[in-house]
Amino acid sequence: MTETTSQPQAKLVILRGGTQGKEFTLDGEIISIGRWDPDGGAFPEIDLTNDDIEAKISRKHSRILVKDGTYMLEDMGSLNGTYINRGPRLVPGEPQEIKDGDEVIMGKTFFRFEILTGEDA
C-alpha cells in the first residue's frame, strides 16, 4: 500500500543567475536552500553551489516551510537577501507566503515558484 501526502507538490525553477530552467522539487515540510559547506555545517536540501558562481547565495540562505498546503519562504539571515515578486527584502525569521507563479530572488538568482497539478506531479 502506498502512502499519499495531502501536501500539494511544488518546485522552484531557475529563471536567471544560474542554470536556467533547472528545477528543484520541494519535498518535505522544511526545505533549506543555500550552498553546501561541510566545514561550516551547511547541508541544504537545495544546494545552489554550482548555480551561484558569484557566491551571492549564503550557505544557509533561506528555507521553505510547508504546512496544510501553504508554502512559506523564510530568509535565514542571508547577506544578500531574499525577495518575493521584487517586493521588500524579507525580514530574517519572518516567513512570508509564496503562491503559484511567484518570483523568488535569492542573491542574484531568480526563481519561479510553481505548484504542481496532478498532471505535473
PDB file of N, CA and C in Angstrom:
ATOM      1  N   MET A   1       0.842  -1.177   0.000  1.00  0.00           N
ATOM      2  CA  MET A   1       0.000   0.000   0.000  1.00  0.00           C
ATOM      3  C   MET A   1       0.886   1.238   0.000  1.00  0.00           C
ATOM      4  N   THR A   2       0.600   2.178  -0.882  1.00  0.00           N
ATOM      5  CA  THR A   2       1.388   3.397  -0.981  1.00  0.00           C
ATOM      6  C   THR A   2       0.729   4.495  -0.166  1.00  0.00           C
ATOM      7  N   GLU A   3       1.529   5.166   0.646  1.00  0.00           N
ATOM      8  CA  GLU A   3       1.010   6.259   1.457  1.00  0.00           C
ATOM      9  C   GLU A   3       1.010   7.531   0.621  1.00  0.00           C
ATOM     10  N   THR A   4      -0.087   8.271   0.654  1.00  0.00           N
ATOM     11  CA  THR A   4      -0.153   9.520  -0.100  1.00  0.00           C
ATOM     12  C   THR A   4      -0.063  10.690   0.858  1.00  0.00           C
ATOM     13  N   THR A   5       0.388  11.805   0.347  1.00  0.00           N
ATOM     14  CA  THR A   5       0.520  13.005   1.158  1.00  0.00           C
ATOM     15  C   THR A   5      -0.566  13.995   0.774  1.00  0.00           C
ATOM     16  N   SER A   6      -1.025  14.771   1.761  1.00  0.00           N
ATOM     17  CA  SER A   6      -2.056  15.761   1.489  1.00  0.00           C
ATOM     18  C   SER A   6      -1.450  17.070   0.986  1.00  0.00           C
ATOM     19  N   GLN A   7      -0.137  17.194   1.061  1.00  0.00           N
ATOM     20  CA  GLN A   7       0.521  18.415   0.615  1.00  0.00           C
ATOM     21  C   GLN A   7       0.591  18.442  -0.905  1.00  0.00           C
ATOM     22  N   PRO A   8       0.259  19.588  -1.525  1.00  0.00           N
ATOM     23  CA  PRO A   8       0.491  19.683  -2.962  1.00  0.00           C
ATOM     24  C   PRO A   8       1.989  19.696  -3.222  1.00  0.00           C
ATOM     25  N   GLN A   9       2.403  19.150  -4.334  1.00  0.00           N
ATOM     26  CA  GLN A   9       3.822  19.178  -4.657  1.00  0.00           C
ATOM     27  C   GLN A   9       4.149  20.505  -5.328  1.00  0.00           C
ATOM     28  N   ALA A  10       5.392  20.931  -5.170  1.00  0.00           N
ATOM     29  CA  ALA A  10       5.815  22.204  -5.743  1.00  0.00           C
ATOM     30  C   ALA A  10       7.275  22.113  -6.157  1.00  0.00           C
ATOM     31  N   LYS A  11       7.710  23.142  -6.898  1.00  0.00           N
ATOM     32  CA  LYS A  11       9.108  23.190  -7.322  1.00  0.00           C
ATOM     33  C   LYS A  11       9.538  24.637  -7.486  1.00  0.00           C
ATOM     34  N   LEU A  12      10.852  24.835  -7.457  1.00  0.00           N
ATOM     35  CA  LEU A  12      11.477  26.101  -7.824  1.00  0.00           C
ATOM     36  C   LEU A  12      12.191  25.876  -9.145  1.00  0.00           C
ATOM     37  N   VAL A  13      12.048  26.822 -10.067  1.00  0.00           N
ATOM     38  CA  VAL A  13      12.697  26.744 -11.371  1.00  0.00           C
ATOM     39  C   VAL A  13      13.588  27.970 -11.522  1.00  0.00           C
ATOM     40  N   ILE A  14      14.871  27.761 -11.855  1.00  0.00           N
ATOM     41  CA  ILE A  14      15.779  28.892 -12.052  1.00  0.00           C
ATOM     42  C   ILE A  14      15.418  29.613 -13.345  1.00  0.00           C
ATOM     43  N   LEU A  15      15.206  30.922 -13.225  1.00  0.00           N
ATOM     44  CA  LEU A  15      14.913  31.765 -14.385  1.00  0.00           C
ATOM     45  C   LEU A  15      16.147  32.511 -14.870  1.00  0.00           C
ATOM     46  N   ARG A  16      16.971  32.953 -13.901  1.00  0.00           N
ATOM     47  CA  ARG A  16      18.150  33.754 -14.255  1.00  0.00           C
ATOM     48  C   ARG A  16      19.172  33.659 -13.131  1.00  0.00           C
ATOM     49  N   GLY A  17      20.449  33.702 -13.485  1.00  0.00           N
ATOM     50  CA  GLY A  17      21.512  33.739 -12.496  1.00  0.00           C
ATOM     51  C   GLY A  17      22.100  32.392 -12.150  1.00  0.00           C
ATOM     52  N   GLY A  18      21.640  31.346 -12.754  1.00  0.00           N
ATOM     53  CA  GLY A  18      22.162  30.006 -12.521  1.00  0.00           C
ATOM     54  C   GLY A  18      21.951  29.197 -13.775  1.00  0.00           C
ATOM     55  N   THR A  19      21.735  27.917 -13.624  1.00  0.00           N
ATOM     56  CA  THR A  19      21.448  27.052 -14.761  1.00  0.00           C
ATOM     57  C   THR A  19      19.978  27.242 -15.130  1.00  0.00           C
ATOM     58  N   GLN A  20      19.733  28.103 -16.112  1.00  0.00           N
ATOM     59  CA  GLN A  20      18.369  28.464 -16.486  1.00  0.00           C
ATOM     60  C   GLN A  20      17.534  27.224 -16.804  1.00  0.00           C
ATOM     61  N   GLY A  21      16.346  27.151 -16.210  1.00  0.00           N
ATOM     62  CA  GLY A  21      15.448  26.023 -16.421  1.00  0.00           C
ATOM     63  C   GLY A  21      15.638  24.876 -15.439  1.00  0.00           C
ATOM     64  N   LYS A  22      16.706  24.909 -14.650  1.00  0.00           N
ATOM     65  CA  LYS A  22      16.938  23.843 -13.670  1.00  0.00           C
ATOM     66  C   LYS A  22      15.826  23.864 -12.628  1.00  0.00           C
ATOM     67  N   GLU A  23      15.326  22.676 -12.295  1.00  0.00           N
ATOM     68  CA  GLU A  23      14.196  22.552 -11.380  1.00  0.00           C
ATOM     69  C   GLU A  23      14.604  21.858 -10.089  1.00  0.00           C
ATOM     70  N   PHE A  24      14.023  22.323  -8.996  1.00  0.00           N
ATOM     71  CA  PHE A  24      14.230  21.724  -7.687  1.00  0.00           C
ATOM     72  C   PHE A  24      12.862  21.379  -7.110  1.00  0.00           C
ATOM     73  N   THR A  25      12.586  20.091  -6.946  1.00  0.00           N
ATOM     74  CA  THR A  25      11.325  19.656  -6.352  1.00  0.00           C
ATOM     75  C   THR A  25      11.382  19.905  -4.850  1.00  0.00           C
ATOM     76  N   LEU A  26      10.300  20.419  -4.305  1.00  0.00           N
ATOM     77  CA  LEU A  26      10.236  20.743  -2.883  1.00  0.00           C
ATOM     78  C   LEU A  26       9.565  19.595  -2.143  1.00  0.00           C
ATOM     79  N   ASP A  27      10.377  18.749  -1.524  1.00  0.00           N
ATOM     80  CA  ASP A  27       9.888  17.594  -0.777  1.00  0.00           C
ATOM     81  C   ASP A  27      10.114  17.823   0.706  1.00  0.00           C
ATOM     82  N   GLY A  28       9.109  17.538   1.507  1.00  0.00           N
ATOM     83  CA  GLY A  28       9.243  17.657   2.950  1.00  0.00           C
ATOM     84  C   GLY A  28       8.536  18.886   3.484  1.00  0.00           C
ATOM     85  N   GLU A  29       8.590  19.042   4.803  1.00  0.00           N
ATOM     86  CA  GLU A  29       7.920  20.168   5.455  1.00  0.00           C
ATOM     87  C   GLU A  29       8.853  21.348   5.667  1.00  0.00           C
ATOM     88  N   ILE A  30      10.163  21.096   5.687  1.00  0.00           N
ATOM     89  CA  ILE A  30      11.154  22.167   5.804  1.00  0.00           C
ATOM     90  C   ILE A  30      12.231  21.888   4.770  1.00  0.00           C
ATOM     91  N   ILE A  31      12.415  22.819   3.837  1.00  0.00           N
ATOM     92  CA  ILE A  31      13.395  22.652   2.764  1.00  0.00           C
ATOM     93  C   ILE A  31      14.400  23.789   2.864  1.00  0.00           C
ATOM     94  N   SER A  32      15.634  23.467   3.245  1.00  0.00           N
ATOM     95  CA  SER A  32      16.661  24.502   3.356  1.00  0.00           C
ATOM     96  C   SER A  32      17.295  24.760   1.991  1.00  0.00           C
ATOM     97  N   ILE A  33      17.671  26.030   1.771  1.00  0.00           N
ATOM     98  CA  ILE A  33      18.242  26.460   0.498  1.00  0.00           C
ATOM     99  C   ILE A  33      19.532  27.213   0.787  1.00  0.00           C
ATOM    100  N   GLY A  34      20.597  26.851   0.068  1.00  0.00           N
ATOM    101  CA  GLY A  34      21.870  27.534   0.269  1.00  0.00           C
ATOM    102  C   GLY A  34      22.983  26.866  -0.506  1.00  0.00           C
ATOM    103  N   ARG A  35      24.192  27.005   0.028  1.00  0.00           N
ATOM    104  CA  ARG A  35      25.366  26.400  -0.603  1.00  0.00           C
ATOM    105  C   ARG A  35      25.984  25.396   0.360  1.00  0.00           C
ATOM    106  N   TRP A  36      26.380  24.260  -0.179  1.00  0.00           N
ATOM    107  CA  TRP A  36      26.994  23.165   0.579  1.00  0.00           C
ATOM    108  C   TRP A  36      28.311  23.632   1.188  1.00  0.00           C
ATOM    109  N   ASP A  37      28.487  23.388   2.489  1.00  0.00           N
ATOM    110  CA  ASP A  37      29.735  23.721   3.167  1.00  0.00           C
ATOM    111  C   ASP A  37      29.928  22.774   4.344  1.00  0.00           C
ATOM    112  N   PRO A  38      30.594  21.620   4.104  1.00  0.00           N
ATOM    113  CA  PRO A  38      30.757  20.660   5.192  1.00  0.00           C
ATOM    114  C   PRO A  38      31.561  21.215   6.363  1.00  0.00           C
ATOM    115  N   ASP A  39      32.520  22.113   6.093  1.00  0.00           N
ATOM    116  CA  ASP A  39      33.319  22.683   7.179  1.00  0.00           C
ATOM    117  C   ASP A  39      32.481  23.594   8.072  1.00  0.00           C
ATOM    118  N   GLY A  40      31.525  24.306   7.464  1.00  0.00           N
ATOM    119  CA  GLY A  40      30.674  25.217   8.226  1.00  0.00           C
ATOM    120  C   GLY A  40      29.358  24.605   8.664  1.00  0.00           C
ATOM    121  N   GLY A  41      29.140  23.336   8.330  1.00  0.00           N
ATOM    122  CA  GLY A  41      27.928  22.647   8.741  1.00  0.00           C
ATOM    123  C   GLY A  41      26.690  23.017   7.946  1.00  0.00           C
ATOM    124  N   ALA A  42      26.856  23.426   6.691  1.00  0.00           N
ATOM    125  CA  ALA A  42      25.709  23.769   5.841  1.00  0.00           C
ATOM    126  C   ALA A  42      25.459  22.635   4.858  1.00  0.00           C
ATOM    127  N   PHE A  43      24.317  21.976   5.001  1.00  0.00           N
ATOM    128  CA  PHE A  43      23.947  20.853   4.145  1.00  0.00           C
ATOM    129  C   PHE A  43      22.517  21.056   3.640  1.00  0.00           C
ATOM    130  N   PRO A  44      22.298  22.037   2.767  1.00  0.00           N
ATOM    131  CA  PRO A  44      20.932  22.349   2.335  1.00  0.00           C
ATOM    132  C   PRO A  44      20.318  21.265   1.457  1.00  0.00           C
ATOM    133  N   GLU A  45      18.991  21.115   1.561  1.00  0.00           N
ATOM    134  CA  GLU A  45      18.282  20.191   0.674  1.00  0.00           C
ATOM    135  C   GLU A  45      18.376  20.677  -0.772  1.00  0.00           C
ATOM    136  N   ILE A  46      18.323  22.000  -0.954  1.00  0.00           N
ATOM    137  CA  ILE A  46      18.535  22.580  -2.283  1.00  0.00           C
ATOM    138  C   ILE A  46      19.897  23.252  -2.259  1.00  0.00           C
ATOM    139  N   ASP A  47      20.865  22.576  -2.869  1.00  0.00           N
ATOM    140  CA  ASP A  47      22.253  23.048  -2.899  1.00  0.00           C
ATOM    141  C   ASP A  47      22.484  23.842  -4.183  1.00  0.00           C
ATOM    142  N   LEU A  48      22.751  25.141  -4.033  1.00  0.00           N
ATOM    143  CA  LEU A  48      22.939  26.018  -5.188  1.00  0.00           C
ATOM    144  C   LEU A  48      24.407  26.341  -5.449  1.00  0.00           C
ATOM    145  N   THR A  49      25.306  25.564  -4.875  1.00  0.00           N
ATOM    146  CA  THR A  49      26.738  25.814  -5.036  1.00  0.00           C
ATOM    147  C   THR A  49      27.127  25.952  -6.502  1.00  0.00           C
ATOM    148  N   ASN A  50      26.696  25.031  -7.350  1.00  0.00           N
ATOM    149  CA  ASN A  50      27.088  25.050  -8.764  1.00  0.00           C
ATOM    150  C   ASN A  50      26.290  26.044  -9.599  1.00  0.00           C
ATOM    151  N   ASP A  51      25.242  26.622  -9.036  1.00  0.00           N
ATOM    152  CA  ASP A  51      24.407  27.578  -9.761  1.00  0.00           C
ATOM    153  C   ASP A  51      24.630  29.008  -9.289  1.00  0.00           C
ATOM    154  N   ASP A  52      25.585  29.204  -8.414  1.00  0.00           N
ATOM    155  CA  ASP A  52      25.833  30.517  -7.812  1.00  0.00           C
ATOM    156  C   ASP A  52      27.325  30.811  -7.860  1.00  0.00           C
ATOM    157  N   ILE A  53      27.850  31.000  -9.070  1.00  0.00           N
ATOM    158  CA  ILE A  53      29.301  31.142  -9.229  1.00  0.00           C
ATOM    159  C   ILE A  53      29.850  32.399  -8.569  1.00  0.00           C
ATOM    160  N   GLU A  54      29.013  33.412  -8.359  1.00  0.00           N
ATOM    161  CA  GLU A  54      29.471  34.634  -7.693  1.00  0.00           C
ATOM    162  C   GLU A  54      29.331  34.561  -6.178  1.00  0.00           C
ATOM    163  N   ALA A  55      28.825  33.447  -5.664  1.00  0.00           N
ATOM    164  CA  ALA A  55      28.644  33.234  -4.221  1.00  0.00           C
ATOM    165  C   ALA A  55      27.804  34.342  -3.587  1.00  0.00           C
ATOM    166  N   LYS A  56      26.697  34.689  -4.234  1.00  0.00           N
ATOM    167  CA  LYS A  56      25.771  35.686  -3.685  1.00  0.00           C
ATOM    168  C   LYS A  56      24.708  35.039  -2.802  1.00  0.00           C
ATOM    169  N   ILE A  57      24.602  33.720  -2.881  1.00  0.00           N
ATOM    170  CA  ILE A  57      23.674  32.987  -2.021  1.00  0.00           C
ATOM    171  C   ILE A  57      24.449  32.497  -0.805  1.00  0.00           C
ATOM    172  N   SER A  58      23.916  32.771   0.373  1.00  0.00           N
ATOM    173  CA  SER A  58      24.579  32.368   1.611  1.00  0.00           C
ATOM    174  C   SER A  58      24.521  30.857   1.784  1.00  0.00           C
ATOM    175  N   ARG A  59      25.420  30.340   2.615  1.00  0.00           N
ATOM    176  CA  ARG A  59      25.429  28.903   2.868  1.00  0.00           C
ATOM    177  C   ARG A  59      24.092  28.458   3.457  1.00  0.00           C
ATOM    178  N   LYS A  60      23.580  29.220   4.399  1.00  0.00           N
ATOM    179  CA  LYS A  60      22.248  28.979   4.983  1.00  0.00           C
ATOM    180  C   LYS A  60      21.396  30.191   4.620  1.00  0.00           C
ATOM    181  N   HIS A  61      20.930  30.237   3.378  1.00  0.00           N
ATOM    182  CA  HIS A  61      20.285  31.435   2.843  1.00  0.00           C
ATOM    183  C   HIS A  61      18.821  31.563   3.263  1.00  0.00           C
ATOM    184  N   SER A  62      18.034  30.553   2.940  1.00  0.00           N
ATOM    185  CA  SER A  62      16.605  30.622   3.241  1.00  0.00           C
ATOM    186  C   SER A  62      16.056  29.213   3.403  1.00  0.00           C
ATOM    187  N   ARG A  63      14.772  29.149   3.714  1.00  0.00           N
ATOM    188  CA  ARG A  63      14.116  27.852   3.776  1.00  0.00           C
ATOM    189  C   ARG A  63      12.645  28.028   3.437  1.00  0.00           C
ATOM    190  N   ILE A  64      12.059  26.942   2.969  1.00  0.00           N
ATOM    191  CA  ILE A  64      10.636  26.912   2.666  1.00  0.00           C
ATOM    192  C   ILE A  64       9.972  25.986   3.676  1.00  0.00           C
ATOM    193  N   LEU A  65       8.933  26.495   4.301  1.00  0.00           N
ATOM    194  CA  LEU A  65       8.165  25.745   5.290  1.00  0.00           C
ATOM    195  C   LEU A  65       6.821  25.390   4.665  1.00  0.00           C
ATOM    196  N   VAL A  66       6.408  24.143   4.817  1.00  0.00           N
ATOM    197  CA  VAL A  66       5.156  23.685   4.215  1.00  0.00           C
ATOM    198  C   VAL A  66       4.239  23.189   5.324  1.00  0.00           C
ATOM    199  N   LYS A  67       3.037  23.769   5.383  1.00  0.00           N
ATOM    200  CA  LYS A  67       2.073  23.326   6.388  1.00  0.00           C
ATOM    201  C   LYS A  67       0.664  23.511   5.841  1.00  0.00           C
ATOM    202  N   ASP A  68      -0.103  22.442   5.880  1.00  0.00           N
ATOM    203  CA  ASP A  68      -1.501  22.462   5.436  1.00  0.00           C
ATOM    204  C   ASP A  68      -1.650  23.021   4.024  1.00  0.00           C
ATOM    205  N   GLY A  69      -0.743  22.652   3.139  1.00  0.00           N
ATOM    206  CA  GLY A  69      -0.826  23.074   1.750  1.00  0.00           C
ATOM    207  C   GLY A  69      -0.363  24.492   1.479  1.00  0.00           C
ATOM    208  N   THR A  70       0.140  25.181   2.500  1.00  0.00           N
ATOM    209  CA  THR A  70       0.635  26.548   2.342  1.00  0.00           C
ATOM    210  C   THR A  70       2.155  26.529   2.374  1.00  0.00           C
ATOM    211  N   TYR A  71       2.766  27.243   1.438  1.00  0.00           N
ATOM    212  CA  TYR A  71       4.221  27.344   1.361  1.00  0.00           C
ATOM    213  C   TYR A  71       4.649  28.712   1.865  1.00  0.00           C
ATOM    214  N   MET A  72       5.594  28.712   2.797  1.00  0.00           N
ATOM    215  CA  MET A  72       6.111  29.949   3.378  1.00  0.00           C
ATOM    216  C   MET A  72       7.613  30.013   3.112  1.00  0.00           C
ATOM    217  N   LEU A  73       8.101  31.184   2.705  1.00  0.00           N
ATOM    218  CA  LEU A  73       9.522  31.401   2.448  1.00  0.00           C
ATOM    219  C   LEU A  73      10.092  32.233   3.580  1.00  0.00           C
ATOM    220  N   GLU A  74      11.205  31.778   4.141  1.00  0.00           N
ATOM    221  CA  GLU A  74      11.831  32.463   5.267  1.00  0.00           C
ATOM    222  C   GLU A  74      13.301  32.704   4.976  1.00  0.00           C
ATOM    223  N   ASP A  75      13.741  33.945   5.107  1.00  0.00           N
ATOM    224  CA  ASP A  75      15.162  34.264   4.997  1.00  0.00           C
ATOM    225  C   ASP A  75      15.835  33.851   6.305  1.00  0.00           C
ATOM    226  N   MET A  76      17.032  33.288   6.203  1.00  0.00           N
ATOM    227  CA  MET A  76      17.747  32.792   7.376  1.00  0.00           C
ATOM    228  C   MET A  76      18.886  33.722   7.793  1.00  0.00           C
ATOM    229  N   GLY A  77      18.729  35.017   7.522  1.00  0.00           N
ATOM    230  CA  GLY A  77      19.779  35.972   7.867  1.00  0.00           C
ATOM    231  C   GLY A  77      20.836  36.072   6.789  1.00  0.00           C
ATOM    232  N   SER A  78      20.435  35.863   5.545  1.00  0.00           N
ATOM    233  CA  SER A  78      21.385  35.882   4.425  1.00  0.00           C
ATOM    234  C   SER A  78      21.987  37.270   4.227  1.00  0.00           C
ATOM    235  N   LEU A  79      23.170  37.307   3.642  1.00  0.00           N
ATOM    236  CA  LEU A  79      23.861  38.570   3.388  1.00  0.00           C
ATOM    237  C   LEU A  79      23.183  39.373   2.286  1.00  0.00           C
ATOM    238  N   ASN A  80      22.780  38.723   1.198  1.00  0.00           N
ATOM    239  CA  ASN A  80      22.254  39.433   0.029  1.00  0.00           C
ATOM    240  C   ASN A  80      20.735  39.400  -0.101  1.00  0.00           C
ATOM    241  N   GLY A  81      20.055  38.834   0.855  1.00  0.00           N
ATOM    242  CA  GLY A  81      18.610  38.942   0.925  1.00  0.00           C
ATOM    243  C   GLY A  81      17.810  37.948   0.110  1.00  0.00           C
ATOM    244  N   THR A  82      16.528  37.891   0.462  1.00  0.00           N
ATOM    245  CA  THR A  82      15.532  37.061  -0.200  1.00  0.00           C
ATOM    246  C   THR A  82      14.327  37.949  -0.476  1.00  0.00           C
ATOM    247  N   TYR A  83      13.769  37.825  -1.680  1.00  0.00           N
ATOM    248  CA  TYR A  83      12.673  38.698  -2.107  1.00  0.00           C
ATOM    249  C   TYR A  83      11.583  37.872  -2.783  1.00  0.00           C
ATOM    250  N   ILE A  84      10.341  38.338  -2.674  1.00  0.00           N
ATOM    251  CA  ILE A  84       9.213  37.734  -3.382  1.00  0.00           C
ATOM    252  C   ILE A  84       8.628  38.796  -4.306  1.00  0.00           C
ATOM    253  N   ASN A  85       8.551  38.473  -5.598  1.00  0.00           N
ATOM    254  CA  ASN A  85       7.966  39.374  -6.597  1.00  0.00           C
ATOM    255  C   ASN A  85       8.559  40.788  -6.556  1.00  0.00           C
ATOM    256  N   ARG A  86       9.864  40.858  -6.337  1.00  0.00           N
ATOM    257  CA  ARG A  86      10.605  42.126  -6.304  1.00  0.00           C
ATOM    258  C   ARG A  86      10.075  43.104  -5.264  1.00  0.00           C
ATOM    259  N   GLY A  87       9.434  42.541  -4.244  1.00  0.00           N
ATOM    260  CA  GLY A  87       8.937  43.355  -3.135  1.00  0.00           C
ATOM    261  C   GLY A  87      10.067  43.653  -2.163  1.00  0.00           C
ATOM    262  N   PRO A  88       9.722  44.129  -0.966  1.00  0.00           N
ATOM    263  CA  PRO A  88      10.761  44.433   0.020  1.00  0.00           C
ATOM    264  C   PRO A  88      11.515  43.170   0.453  1.00  0.00           C
ATOM    265  N   ARG A  89      12.736  43.386   0.881  1.00  0.00           N
ATOM    266  CA  ARG A  89      13.564  42.284   1.380  1.00  0.00           C
ATOM    267  C   ARG A  89      12.849  41.619   2.553  1.00  0.00           C
ATOM    268  N   LEU A  90      12.846  40.280   2.558  1.00  0.00           N
ATOM    269  CA  LEU A  90      12.223  39.558   3.665  1.00  0.00           C
ATOM    270  C   LEU A  90      13.014  39.789   4.945  1.00  0.00           C
ATOM    271  N   VAL A  91      12.289  39.955   6.028  1.00  0.00           N
ATOM    272  CA  VAL A  91      12.911  40.109   7.335  1.00  0.00           C
ATOM    273  C   VAL A  91      13.307  38.715   7.816  1.00  0.00           C
ATOM    274  N   PRO A  92      14.587  38.508   8.179  1.00  0.00           N
ATOM    275  CA  PRO A  92      15.008  37.185   8.636  1.00  0.00           C
ATOM    276  C   PRO A  92      14.135  36.685   9.789  1.00  0.00           C
ATOM    277  N   GLY A  93      13.760  35.408   9.703  1.00  0.00           N
ATOM    278  CA  GLY A  93      12.974  34.792  10.758  1.00  0.00           C
ATOM    279  C   GLY A  93      11.483  35.065  10.690  1.00  0.00           C
ATOM    280  N   GLU A  94      11.026  35.800   9.650  1.00  0.00           N
ATOM    281  CA  GLU A  94       9.600  36.095   9.498  1.00  0.00           C
ATOM    282  C   GLU A  94       9.103  35.522   8.169  1.00  0.00           C
ATOM    283  N   PRO A  95       8.612  34.272   8.180  1.00  0.00           N
ATOM    284  CA  PRO A  95       8.175  33.626   6.937  1.00  0.00           C
ATOM    285  C   PRO A  95       7.042  34.385   6.249  1.00  0.00           C
ATOM    286  N   GLN A  96       7.094  34.401   4.916  1.00  0.00           N
ATOM    287  CA  GLN A  96       6.062  35.029   4.090  1.00  0.00           C
ATOM    288  C   GLN A  96       5.508  33.982   3.129  1.00  0.00           C
ATOM    289  N   GLU A  97       4.209  34.015   2.888  1.00  0.00           N
ATOM    290  CA  GLU A  97       3.585  33.041   1.996  1.00  0.00           C
ATOM    291  C   GLU A  97       4.028  33.265   0.555  1.00  0.00           C
ATOM    292  N   ILE A  98       4.283  32.159  -0.144  1.00  0.00           N
ATOM    293  CA  ILE A  98       4.540  32.213  -1.580  1.00  0.00           C
ATOM    294  C   ILE A  98       3.454  31.413  -2.278  1.00  0.00           C
ATOM    295  N   LYS A  99       3.086  31.901  -3.460  1.00  0.00           N
ATOM    296  CA  LYS A  99       1.991  31.289  -4.212  1.00  0.00           C
ATOM    297  C   LYS A  99       2.460  30.911  -5.602  1.00  0.00           C
ATOM    298  N   ASP A 100       1.670  30.056  -6.242  1.00  0.00           N
ATOM    299  CA  ASP A 100       1.987  29.587  -7.581  1.00  0.00           C
ATOM    300  C   ASP A 100       2.276  30.764  -8.515  1.00  0.00           C
ATOM    301  N   GLY A 101       3.422  30.700  -9.199  1.00  0.00           N
ATOM    302  CA  GLY A 101       3.806  31.736 -10.151  1.00  0.00           C
ATOM    303  C   GLY A 101       4.639  32.853  -9.564  1.00  0.00           C
ATOM    304  N   ASP A 102       4.811  32.889  -8.237  1.00  0.00           N
ATOM    305  CA  ASP A 102       5.611  33.948  -7.625  1.00  0.00           C
ATOM    306  C   ASP A 102       7.062  33.865  -8.076  1.00  0.00           C
ATOM    307  N   GLU A 103       7.673  35.034  -8.197  1.00  0.00           N
ATOM    308  CA  GLU A 103       9.106  35.113  -8.477  1.00  0.00           C
ATOM    309  C   GLU A 103       9.821  35.225  -7.136  1.00  0.00           C
ATOM    310  N   VAL A 104      10.825  34.396  -6.947  1.00  0.00           N
ATOM    311  CA  VAL A 104      11.628  34.397  -5.727  1.00  0.00           C
ATOM    312  C   VAL A 104      13.050  34.756  -6.126  1.00  0.00           C
ATOM    313  N   ILE A 105      13.639  35.715  -5.415  1.00  0.00           N
ATOM    314  CA  ILE A 105      15.010  36.134  -5.703  1.00  0.00           C
ATOM    315  C   ILE A 105      15.857  35.881  -4.465  1.00  0.00           C
ATOM    316  N   MET A 106      16.989  35.191  -4.676  1.00  0.00           N
ATOM    317  CA  MET A 106      17.979  34.960  -3.626  1.00  0.00           C
ATOM    318  C   MET A 106      19.318  35.383  -4.197  1.00  0.00           C
ATOM    319  N   GLY A 107      19.944  36.378  -3.581  1.00  0.00           N
ATOM    320  CA  GLY A 107      21.185  36.901  -4.146  1.00  0.00           C
ATOM    321  C   GLY A 107      20.922  37.430  -5.542  1.00  0.00           C
ATOM    322  N   LYS A 108      21.620  36.879  -6.534  1.00  0.00           N
ATOM    323  CA  LYS A 108      21.411  37.265  -7.933  1.00  0.00           C
ATOM    324  C   LYS A 108      20.723  36.162  -8.732  1.00  0.00           C
ATOM    325  N   THR A 109      20.144  35.189  -8.033  1.00  0.00           N
ATOM    326  CA  THR A 109      19.476  34.078  -8.702  1.00  0.00           C
ATOM    327  C   THR A 109      17.963  34.255  -8.596  1.00  0.00           C
ATOM    328  N   PHE A 110      17.293  34.185  -9.745  1.00  0.00           N
ATOM    329  CA  PHE A 110      15.848  34.371  -9.829  1.00  0.00           C
ATOM    330  C   PHE A 110      15.187  33.015 -10.074  1.00  0.00           C
ATOM    331  N   PHE A 111      14.111  32.753  -9.356  1.00  0.00           N
ATOM    332  CA  PHE A 111      13.367  31.503  -9.466  1.00  0.00           C
ATOM    333  C   PHE A 111      11.889  31.805  -9.703  1.00  0.00           C
ATOM    334  N   ARG A 112      11.180  30.817 -10.236  1.00  0.00           N
ATOM    335  CA  ARG A 112       9.722  30.852 -10.268  1.00  0.00           C
ATOM    336  C   ARG A 112       9.247  29.711  -9.375  1.00  0.00           C
ATOM    337  N   PHE A 113       8.317  30.014  -8.481  1.00  0.00           N
ATOM    338  CA  PHE A 113       7.718  29.010  -7.611  1.00  0.00           C
ATOM    339  C   PHE A 113       6.489  28.452  -8.311  1.00  0.00           C
ATOM    340  N   GLU A 114       6.395  27.132  -8.398  1.00  0.00           N
ATOM    341  CA  GLU A 114       5.275  26.500  -9.095  1.00  0.00           C
ATOM    342  C   GLU A 114       4.657  25.405  -8.244  1.00  0.00           C
ATOM    343  N   ILE A 115       3.328  25.457  -8.118  1.00  0.00           N
ATOM    344  CA  ILE A 115       2.571  24.359  -7.517  1.00  0.00           C
ATOM    345  C   ILE A 115       2.276  23.383  -8.646  1.00  0.00           C
ATOM    346  N   LEU A 116       2.553  22.117  -8.429  1.00  0.00           N
ATOM    347  CA  LEU A 116       2.340  21.108  -9.462  1.00  0.00           C
ATOM    348  C   LEU A 116       0.926  20.561  -9.371  1.00  0.00           C
ATOM    349  N   THR A 117       0.270  20.500 -10.497  1.00  0.00           N
ATOM    350  CA  THR A 117      -1.065  19.909 -10.552  1.00  0.00           C
ATOM    351  C   THR A 117      -0.910  18.401 -10.668  1.00  0.00           C
ATOM    352  N   GLY A 118      -1.997  17.676 -10.640  1.00  0.00           N
ATOM    353  CA  GLY A 118      -1.949  16.222 -10.764  1.00  0.00           C
ATOM    354  C   GLY A 118      -1.245  15.770 -12.022  1.00  0.00           C
ATOM    355  N   GLU A 119      -1.362  16.534 -13.108  1.00  0.00           N
ATOM    356  CA  GLU A 119      -0.706  16.173 -14.371  1.00  0.00           C
ATOM    357  C   GLU A 119       0.799  16.392 -14.306  1.00  0.00           C
ATOM    358  N   ASP A 120       1.229  17.428 -13.544  1.00  0.00           N
ATOM    359  CA  ASP A 120       2.649  17.773 -13.475  1.00  0.00           C
ATOM    360  C   ASP A 120       3.387  16.969 -12.421  1.00  0.00           C
ATOM    361  N   ALA A 121       2.682  16.583 -11.360  1.00  0.00           N
ATOM    362  CA  ALA A 121       3.331  15.983 -10.190  1.00  0.00           C
ATOM    363  C   ALA A 121       3.888  14.614 -10.480  1.00  0.00           C
TER     364      ALA A 121
END
